[in-house]
Amino acid sequence: MSDQDTGPRRTDGGTEVRHETFTITRRLDAPPSAVFAAFADDAVRRRWVKLPGSGATYHHEFRVGGGETAQSTFAVLDAAPEHLDYRSRYIDIVPERRIVYVYEATVDEVLRWTSLVTVEMAGDAGSTDLTWTEQVAFLTRTGDGSADLPHLRGATALRLTGLAVAVQPPTSVAPAGGRRFA
């Protein structure tokens, strides 16, 4: 790699690109305005969008043409640590209705996959029906590649579980006397 090269190495690993699409739907107990804010507001976003590992850094610009970068180091048991990089760019943002973005996932400077994500929100003052559709191109497989899609889909489902928690209003706590305070 020359000093002028930027971004991850592209390798074919002797495999062809594998394309997959998956959709996850969730009903969230929050209005579309709160769900949309959970994507836009960095403080709320950090509660549900996180890279695994340690030393994570994030930079986020929620606007068309903006995006997010994130890096961390991840180690499991005795395995060598992996350096994770995430880069995204927002393509379309319609407040409280739709967010479309592309992202790439890199492990140890090797581009593993890239995706087009469409997040759709529909609802009312009490709830939001969220539809997450991801079109992924796996460029470098893990082993035979059979675990790549289940891994990505599972990680996305966990992230959406975190989103559901992040958009919940704070709950009040009843002290020993039984009186509630908000």
C-alpha atoms as a PDB file:
ATOM      1  CA  MET A   1       0.000   0.000   0.000  1.00  0.00           C
ATOM      2  CA  SER A   2       1.476   3.367  -0.978  1.00  0.00           C
ATOM      3  CA  ASP A   3       1.415   6.483   1.182  1.00  0.00           C
ATOM      4  CA  GLN A   4      -1.269   7.899  -1.141  1.00  0.00           C
ATOM      5  CA  ASP A   5      -3.676   4.989  -0.675  1.00  0.00           C
ATOM      6  CA  THR A   6      -6.533   5.563   1.728  1.00  0.00           C
ATOM      7  CA  GLY A   7      -9.097   3.208   3.110  1.00  0.00           C
ATOM      8  CA  PRO A   8      -9.074  -0.522   3.616  1.00  0.00           C
ATOM      9  CA  ARG A   9      -7.325  -3.113   1.492  1.00  0.00           C
ATOM     10  CA  ARG A  10      -9.600  -4.873  -0.943  1.00  0.00           C
ATOM     11  CA  THR A  11      -9.062  -8.603  -1.204  1.00  0.00           C
ATOM     12  CA  ASP A  12     -11.062 -11.215  -3.012  1.00  0.00           C
ATOM     13  CA  GLY A  13      -9.787 -14.098  -0.891  1.00  0.00           C
ATOM     14  CA  GLY A  14     -10.404 -16.341  -3.876  1.00  0.00           C
ATOM     15  CA  THR A  15     -14.171 -15.883  -3.508  1.00  0.00           C
ATOM     16  CA  GLU A  16     -16.873 -14.059  -5.367  1.00  0.00           C
ATOM     17  CA  VAL A  17     -18.900 -11.253  -3.838  1.00  0.00           C
ATOM     18  CA  ARG A  18     -21.979 -12.635  -2.111  1.00  0.00           C
ATOM     19  CA  HIS A  19     -25.089 -10.425  -2.031  1.00  0.00           C
ATOM     20  CA  GLU A  20     -27.745 -10.803   0.635  1.00  0.00           C
ATOM     21  CA  THR A  21     -30.757  -8.816   1.791  1.00  0.00           C
ATOM     22  CA  PHE A  22     -32.539  -8.971   5.121  1.00  0.00           C
ATOM     23  CA  THR A  23     -35.323  -7.023   6.790  1.00  0.00           C
ATOM     24  CA  ILE A  24     -36.028  -6.650  10.500  1.00  0.00           C
ATOM     25  CA  THR A  25     -39.211  -5.007  11.750  1.00  0.00           C
ATOM     26  CA  ARG A  26     -39.831  -3.734  15.254  1.00  0.00           C
ATOM     27  CA  ARG A  27     -42.651  -1.931  17.009  1.00  0.00           C
ATOM     28  CA  LEU A  28     -41.119   0.610  19.368  1.00  0.00           C
ATOM     29  CA  ASP A  29     -43.036   2.172  22.244  1.00  0.00           C
ATOM     30  CA  ALA A  30     -42.049   5.700  21.270  1.00  0.00           C
ATOM     31  CA  PRO A  31     -43.262   8.186  18.647  1.00  0.00           C
ATOM     32  CA  PRO A  32     -41.389   8.528  15.336  1.00  0.00           C
ATOM     33  CA  SER A  33     -39.917  11.841  16.564  1.00  0.00           C
ATOM     34  CA  ALA A  34     -38.138  10.035  19.437  1.00  0.00           C
ATOM     35  CA  VAL A  35     -36.936   7.217  17.189  1.00  0.00           C
ATOM     36  CA  PHE A  36     -35.626   9.690  14.619  1.00  0.00           C
ATOM     37  CA  ALA A  37     -33.888  11.649  17.401  1.00  0.00           C
ATOM     38  CA  ALA A  38     -32.176   8.432  18.527  1.00  0.00           C
ATOM     39  CA  PHE A  39     -30.424   8.349  15.142  1.00  0.00           C
ATOM     40  CA  ALA A  40     -29.639  12.085  15.075  1.00  0.00           C
ATOM     41  CA  ASP A  41     -28.719  12.951  18.689  1.00  0.00           C
ATOM     42  CA  ASP A  42     -25.186  11.773  19.519  1.00  0.00           C
ATOM     43  CA  ALA A  43     -25.862  11.350  23.248  1.00  0.00           C
ATOM     44  CA  VAL A  44     -28.810   9.036  22.571  1.00  0.00           C
ATOM     45  CA  ARG A  45     -27.051   7.346  19.634  1.00  0.00           C
ATOM     46  CA  ARG A  46     -24.078   6.315  21.808  1.00  0.00           C
ATOM     47  CA  ARG A  47     -26.523   4.422  24.040  1.00  0.00           C
ATOM     48  CA  TRP A  48     -27.415   1.985  21.252  1.00  0.00           C
ATOM     49  CA  VAL A  49     -24.791   2.232  18.468  1.00  0.00           C
ATOM     50  CA  LYS A  50     -21.506   0.838  19.737  1.00  0.00           C
ATOM     51  CA  LEU A  51     -18.622  -1.143  18.335  1.00  0.00           C
ATOM     52  CA  PRO A  52     -17.534  -4.082  20.451  1.00  0.00           C
ATOM     53  CA  GLY A  53     -14.176  -3.953  22.167  1.00  0.00           C
ATOM     54  CA  SER A  54     -12.134  -1.295  23.861  1.00  0.00           C
ATOM     55  CA  GLY A  55     -10.807   2.146  23.041  1.00  0.00           C
ATOM     56  CA  ALA A  56     -13.718   2.956  20.739  1.00  0.00           C
ATOM     57  CA  THR A  57     -13.762   6.351  19.047  1.00  0.00           C
ATOM     58  CA  TYR A  58     -16.690   7.894  17.174  1.00  0.00           C
ATOM     59  CA  HIS A  59     -17.341  10.877  14.935  1.00  0.00           C
ATOM     60  CA  HIS A  60     -20.887  11.495  13.678  1.00  0.00           C
ATOM     61  CA  GLU A  61     -22.463  14.102  11.378  1.00  0.00           C
ATOM     62  CA  PHE A  62     -26.179  13.474  10.911  1.00  0.00           C
ATOM     63  CA  ARG A  63     -26.891  15.163   7.585  1.00  0.00           C
ATOM     64  CA  VAL A  64     -27.125  14.134   3.937  1.00  0.00           C
ATOM     65  CA  GLY A  65     -23.507  13.766   2.813  1.00  0.00           C
ATOM     66  CA  GLY A  66     -22.356  13.398   6.418  1.00  0.00           C
ATOM     67  CA  GLY A  67     -21.803  10.110   8.140  1.00  0.00           C
ATOM     68  CA  GLU A  68     -20.085   8.305  10.935  1.00  0.00           C
ATOM     69  CA  THR A  69     -16.667   6.847  11.552  1.00  0.00           C
ATOM     70  CA  ALA A  70     -15.892   4.522  14.417  1.00  0.00           C
ATOM     71  CA  GLN A  71     -12.905   2.426  15.430  1.00  0.00           C
ATOM     72  CA  SER A  72     -12.217  -0.050  18.211  1.00  0.00           C
ATOM     73  CA  THR A  73     -10.042  -3.016  19.134  1.00  0.00           C
ATOM     74  CA  PHE A  74     -11.787  -6.290  19.866  1.00  0.00           C
ATOM     75  CA  ALA A  75     -10.287  -9.416  21.446  1.00  0.00           C
ATOM     76  CA  VAL A  76     -11.909 -12.700  22.422  1.00  0.00           C
ATOM     77  CA  LEU A  77     -10.180 -14.961  24.936  1.00  0.00           C
ATOM     78  CA  ASP A  78      -6.744 -15.967  23.606  1.00  0.00           C
ATOM     79  CA  ALA A  79      -7.324 -14.775  20.028  1.00  0.00           C
ATOM     80  CA  ALA A  80      -5.282 -11.938  18.589  1.00  0.00           C
ATOM     81  CA  PRO A  81      -7.040  -8.567  18.881  1.00  0.00           C
ATOM     82  CA  GLU A  82      -8.834  -7.306  15.778  1.00  0.00           C
ATOM     83  CA  HIS A  83      -8.962  -3.657  14.740  1.00  0.00           C
ATOM     84  CA  LEU A  84     -12.511  -2.722  13.683  1.00  0.00           C
ATOM     85  CA  ASP A  85     -13.336   0.241  11.445  1.00  0.00           C
ATOM     86  CA  TYR A  86     -16.789   1.454  10.442  1.00  0.00           C
ATOM     87  CA  ARG A  87     -17.502   4.237   7.935  1.00  0.00           C
ATOM     88  CA  SER A  88     -20.918   5.409   6.771  1.00  0.00           C
ATOM     89  CA  ARG A  89     -22.421   8.140   4.607  1.00  0.00           C
ATOM     90  CA  TYR A  90     -26.015   9.383   4.715  1.00  0.00           C
ATOM     91  CA  ILE A  91     -27.713   9.445   1.320  1.00  0.00           C
ATOM     92  CA  ASP A  92     -31.300  10.433   2.213  1.00  0.00           C
ATOM     93  CA  ILE A  93     -32.882  11.735   5.417  1.00  0.00           C
ATOM     94  CA  VAL A  94     -36.603  12.485   5.724  1.00  0.00           C
ATOM     95  CA  PRO A  95     -37.282  13.503   9.353  1.00  0.00           C
ATOM     96  CA  GLU A  96     -39.396  10.987  11.266  1.00  0.00           C
ATOM     97  CA  ARG A  97     -39.970   8.896   8.085  1.00  0.00           C
ATOM     98  CA  ARG A  98     -36.802   7.549   6.451  1.00  0.00           C
ATOM     99  CA  ILE A  99     -33.014   7.320   6.701  1.00  0.00           C
ATOM    100  CA  VAL A 100     -30.921   5.801   3.914  1.00  0.00           C
ATOM    101  CA  TYR A 101     -27.187   5.302   4.277  1.00  0.00           C
ATOM    102  CA  VAL A 102     -24.282   3.191   3.094  1.00  0.00           C
ATOM    103  CA  TYR A 103     -21.538   1.789   5.264  1.00  0.00           C
ATOM    104  CA  GLU A 104     -18.461  -0.374   5.142  1.00  0.00           C
ATOM    105  CA  ALA A 105     -17.048  -2.681   7.783  1.00  0.00           C
ATOM    106  CA  THR A 106     -13.316  -3.319   7.929  1.00  0.00           C
ATOM    107  CA  VAL A 107     -11.444  -5.800  10.126  1.00  0.00           C
ATOM    108  CA  ASP A 108      -7.655  -5.453  10.374  1.00  0.00           C
ATOM    109  CA  GLU A 109      -7.622  -3.162   7.315  1.00  0.00           C
ATOM    110  CA  VAL A 110      -9.475  -5.702   5.137  1.00  0.00           C
ATOM    111  CA  LEU A 111     -12.859  -4.607   3.792  1.00  0.00           C
ATOM    112  CA  ARG A 112     -15.223  -7.378   4.872  1.00  0.00           C
ATOM    113  CA  TRP A 113     -18.602  -6.066   3.701  1.00  0.00           C
ATOM    114  CA  THR A 114     -20.461  -2.988   2.574  1.00  0.00           C
ATOM    115  CA  SER A 115     -24.181  -2.325   2.876  1.00  0.00           C
ATOM    116  CA  LEU A 116     -27.027  -0.089   1.805  1.00  0.00           C
ATOM    117  CA  VAL A 117     -29.433   0.412   4.729  1.00  0.00           C
ATOM    118  CA  THR A 118     -32.948   1.827   4.553  1.00  0.00           C
ATOM    119  CA  VAL A 119     -34.656   2.610   7.870  1.00  0.00           C
ATOM    120  CA  GLU A 120     -38.367   3.399   7.592  1.00  0.00           C
ATOM    121  CA  MET A 121     -40.499   4.759  10.428  1.00  0.00           C
ATOM    122  CA  ALA A 122     -44.291   4.946  10.580  1.00  0.00           C
ATOM    123  CA  GLY A 123     -46.432   5.542  13.622  1.00  0.00           C
ATOM    124  CA  ASP A 124     -48.235   7.898  15.890  1.00  0.00           C
ATOM    125  CA  ALA A 125     -47.736   9.586  19.254  1.00  0.00           C
ATOM    126  CA  GLY A 126     -47.558   6.237  21.051  1.00  0.00           C
ATOM    127  CA  SER A 127     -45.484   3.922  18.881  1.00  0.00           C
ATOM    128  CA  THR A 128     -43.334   3.527  15.805  1.00  0.00           C
ATOM    129  CA  ASP A 129     -43.229   0.658  13.356  1.00  0.00           C
ATOM    130  CA  LEU A 130     -39.590   0.532  12.269  1.00  0.00           C
ATOM    131  CA  THR A 131     -38.465  -1.418   9.207  1.00  0.00           C
ATOM    132  CA  TRP A 132     -34.707  -1.942   8.742  1.00  0.00           C
ATOM    133  CA  THR A 133     -33.766  -3.287   5.303  1.00  0.00           C
ATOM    134  CA  GLU A 134     -30.112  -4.026   4.607  1.00  0.00           C
ATOM    135  CA  GLN A 135     -28.624  -4.982   1.246  1.00  0.00           C
ATOM    136  CA  VAL A 136     -25.147  -6.321   1.908  1.00  0.00           C
ATOM    137  CA  ALA A 137     -22.238  -7.316  -0.305  1.00  0.00           C
ATOM    138  CA  PHE A 138     -19.855  -9.681   1.503  1.00  0.00           C
ATOM    139  CA  LEU A 139     -16.449  -9.089  -0.060  1.00  0.00           C
ATOM    140  CA  THR A 140     -14.219 -11.132   2.224  1.00  0.00           C
ATOM    141  CA  ARG A 141     -15.758 -14.135   3.936  1.00  0.00           C
ATOM    142  CA  THR A 142     -15.093 -15.565   7.356  1.00  0.00           C
ATOM    143  CA  GLY A 143     -14.195 -19.210   6.771  1.00  0.00           C
ATOM    144  CA  ASP A 144     -16.695 -20.608   4.266  1.00  0.00           C
ATOM    145  CA  GLY A 145     -18.935 -17.542   4.742  1.00  0.00           C
ATOM    146  CA  SER A 146     -21.889 -19.482   6.145  1.00  0.00           C
ATOM    147  CA  ALA A 147     -21.861 -17.530   9.429  1.00  0.00           C
ATOM    148  CA  ASP A 148     -21.454 -14.045   7.916  1.00  0.00           C
ATOM    149  CA  LEU A 149     -25.122 -13.237   7.276  1.00  0.00           C
ATOM    150  CA  PRO A 150     -26.405 -14.738  10.557  1.00  0.00           C
ATOM    151  CA  HIS A 151     -23.700 -12.777  12.412  1.00  0.00           C
ATOM    152  CA  LEU A 152     -24.639  -9.470  10.742  1.00  0.00           C
ATOM    153  CA  ARG A 153     -28.368 -10.038  11.107  1.00  0.00           C
ATOM    154  CA  GLY A 154     -27.938 -10.992  14.781  1.00  0.00           C
ATOM    155  CA  ALA A 155     -25.773  -7.945  15.503  1.00  0.00           C
ATOM    156  CA  THR A 156     -28.373  -5.720  13.836  1.00  0.00           C
ATOM    157  CA  ALA A 157     -31.184  -7.295  15.893  1.00  0.00           C
ATOM    158  CA  LEU A 158     -29.174  -6.637  19.083  1.00  0.00           C
ATOM    159  CA  ARG A 159     -28.602  -3.025  18.007  1.00  0.00           C
ATOM    160  CA  LEU A 160     -32.348  -2.567  17.444  1.00  0.00           C
ATOM    161  CA  THR A 161     -33.013  -4.002  20.907  1.00  0.00           C
ATOM    162  CA  GLY A 162     -30.672  -1.286  22.204  1.00  0.00           C
ATOM    163  CA  LEU A 163     -32.602   1.298  20.185  1.00  0.00           C
ATOM    164  CA  ALA A 164     -35.862   0.152  21.793  1.00  0.00           C
ATOM    165  CA  VAL A 165     -34.321   0.692  25.237  1.00  0.00           C
ATOM    166  CA  ALA A 166     -32.766   4.043  24.279  1.00  0.00           C
ATOM    167  CA  VAL A 167     -36.098   5.551  23.183  1.00  0.00           C
ATOM    168  CA  GLN A 168     -37.970   4.557  26.338  1.00  0.00           C
ATOM    169  CA  PRO A 169     -38.844   7.451  28.620  1.00  0.00           C
ATOM    170  CA  PRO A 170     -37.145   7.389  32.020  1.00  0.00           C
ATOM    171  CA  THR A 171     -39.100   5.413  34.578  1.00  0.00           C
ATOM    172  CA  SER A 172     -39.951   6.753  37.977  1.00  0.00           C
ATOM    173  CA  VAL A 173     -38.725   4.953  41.064  1.00  0.00           C
ATOM    174  CA  ALA A 174     -40.925   4.353  44.095  1.00  0.00           C
ATOM    175  CA  PRO A 175     -39.044   4.935  47.357  1.00  0.00           C
ATOM    176  CA  ALA A 176     -39.662   2.786  50.455  1.00  0.00           C
ATOM    177  CA  GLY A 177     -42.655   4.957  51.455  1.00  0.00           C
ATOM    178  CA  GLY A 178     -44.448   4.066  48.229  1.00  0.00           C
ATOM    179  CA  ARG A 179     -44.648   7.603  46.837  1.00  0.00           C
ATOM    180  CA  ARG A 180     -43.379   7.956  43.251  1.00  0.00           C
ATOM    181  CA  PHE A 181     -41.082  10.682  42.057  1.00  0.00           C
ATOM    182  CA  ALA A 182     -40.396  11.337  38.351  1.00  0.00           C
END
